[in-house]
Amino acid sequence: VGEIKGYRVTGPNGNSIFLPTTGLIWGGTMNNRSISGYYWTGNVNEKDDKEGRIVWCNDDGAREWDKNRFFGIPIRPVKKGGNTGDTGGNTGEAGGGIVNGE
């Protein structure tokens, strides 16, 4: 939005959210701040509870995978249902792309 680089995710119902590039904190240092967006989901790895599921997005698209929970990764709260509609909740069904501004 504006001058902020990020990723727009659009759900199957047409609603969308903007995920700005955030980077992540690892070893006390900010990494990839202007390159990638990293966001925790609400899921923990069922086989290893030291890992949580993240959504990672960059110029190549968005992916989900498990990351050790000691990484400093932001969250992006999204209300499901209500007046704003269903967010889709599944990045596998969502589409989008890196955008510079709107």
Protein backbone atom coordinates (compact mmCIF):
# COMPACT_ATOMS: atom_id res chain seq x y z
CA VAL A 1 0.00 0.00 0.00
CA GLY A 2 1.52 3.31 -0.97
CA GLU A 3 5.30 2.89 -0.98
CA ILE A 4 5.24 -0.29 1.11
CA LYS A 5 6.30 -3.47 -0.67
CA GLY A 6 4.26 -6.54 0.14
CA TYR A 7 1.99 -9.33 -0.95
CA ARG A 8 -1.75 -9.18 -1.58
CA VAL A 9 -3.54 -12.44 -0.77
CA THR A 10 -6.98 -12.90 -2.29
CA GLY A 11 -9.30 -15.61 -1.01
CA PRO A 12 -11.75 -17.64 -3.08
CA ASN A 13 -14.55 -15.20 -2.17
CA GLY A 14 -12.60 -12.23 -3.60
CA ASN A 15 -11.70 -10.67 -0.24
CA SER A 16 -8.05 -9.83 0.21
CA ILE A 17 -5.50 -8.71 2.76
CA PHE A 18 -2.17 -6.97 2.23
CA LEU A 19 0.88 -8.54 3.89
CA PRO A 20 3.81 -6.09 3.94
CA THR A 21 7.34 -7.43 3.72
CA THR A 22 8.45 -7.88 7.31
CA GLY A 23 11.63 -9.89 7.41
CA LEU A 24 12.33 -11.99 10.47
CA ILE A 25 14.54 -11.75 13.51
CA TRP A 26 17.14 -14.47 13.90
CA GLY A 27 20.06 -14.29 16.32
CA GLY A 28 18.98 -10.80 17.37
CA THR A 29 19.32 -9.46 13.81
CA MET A 30 16.61 -8.39 11.36
CA ASN A 31 16.89 -10.31 8.08
CA ASN A 32 15.20 -9.86 4.67
CA ARG A 33 13.07 -6.93 5.83
CA SER A 34 12.53 -5.41 2.38
CA ILE A 35 12.60 -8.74 0.51
CA SER A 36 10.20 -11.19 2.15
CA GLY A 37 7.11 -11.32 4.33
CA TYR A 38 6.98 -13.95 7.07
CA TYR A 39 3.88 -14.54 9.18
CA TRP A 40 2.98 -17.11 11.81
CA THR A 41 -0.21 -19.03 11.20
CA GLY A 42 -2.26 -20.45 14.06
CA ASN A 43 -0.80 -23.94 13.56
CA VAL A 44 1.95 -25.89 15.30
CA ASN A 45 3.82 -28.80 13.70
CA GLU A 46 2.02 -31.92 14.93
CA LYS A 47 5.26 -33.96 14.91
CA ASP A 48 7.47 -31.33 16.56
CA ASP A 49 5.82 -28.69 18.76
CA LYS A 50 9.02 -26.62 18.67
CA GLU A 51 7.99 -25.64 15.14
CA GLY A 52 5.09 -23.53 13.98
CA ARG A 53 3.57 -23.14 10.53
CA ILE A 54 4.46 -19.90 8.72
CA VAL A 55 3.42 -18.23 5.51
CA TRP A 56 6.38 -16.84 3.59
CA CYS A 57 5.99 -14.61 0.55
CA ASN A 58 8.40 -12.94 -1.86
CA ASP A 59 8.62 -12.15 -5.58
CA ASP A 60 8.23 -15.87 -6.38
CA GLY A 61 4.88 -16.23 -4.59
CA ALA A 62 3.70 -17.53 -1.24
CA ARG A 63 4.46 -20.80 0.52
CA GLU A 64 3.74 -22.45 3.84
CA TRP A 65 6.23 -24.38 5.89
CA ASP A 66 7.29 -25.13 9.43
CA LYS A 67 9.85 -22.91 11.16
CA ASN A 68 11.43 -23.16 14.60
CA ARG A 69 9.36 -21.08 16.99
CA PHE A 70 12.36 -19.13 18.33
CA PHE A 71 12.42 -16.98 15.16
CA GLY A 72 11.03 -13.47 15.54
CA ILE A 73 8.18 -13.57 13.04
CA PRO A 74 5.12 -11.30 13.18
CA ILE A 75 1.47 -12.27 13.12
CA ARG A 76 -1.28 -10.80 10.96
CA PRO A 77 -4.62 -11.13 12.76
CA VAL A 78 -7.55 -11.64 10.42
CA LYS A 79 -11.17 -11.88 11.45
CA LYS A 80 -12.94 -14.80 9.83
CA GLY A 81 -16.62 -14.35 8.97
CA GLY A 82 -18.77 -11.47 10.16
CA ASN A 83 -19.17 -8.34 8.07
CA THR A 84 -15.76 -8.69 6.45
CA GLY A 85 -16.53 -12.14 4.95
CA ASP A 86 -14.59 -15.35 5.13
CA THR A 87 -10.85 -14.85 4.57
CA GLY A 88 -10.45 -18.23 2.94
CA GLY A 89 -8.03 -19.33 5.64
CA ASN A 90 -6.03 -21.52 3.28
CA THR A 91 -3.13 -19.98 1.42
CA GLY A 92 -3.23 -22.93 -0.95
CA GLU A 93 -6.52 -21.57 -2.29
CA ALA A 94 -5.43 -17.95 -2.29
CA GLY A 95 -3.68 -16.08 -5.03
CA GLY A 96 -1.74 -12.86 -5.09
CA GLY A 97 1.53 -11.24 -5.84
CA ILE A 98 4.19 -8.89 -4.63
CA VAL A 99 3.11 -5.32 -5.19
CA ASN A 100 4.77 -1.95 -4.74
CA GLY A 101 2.03 0.35 -3.69
CA GLU A 102 -1.55 0.24 -4.95
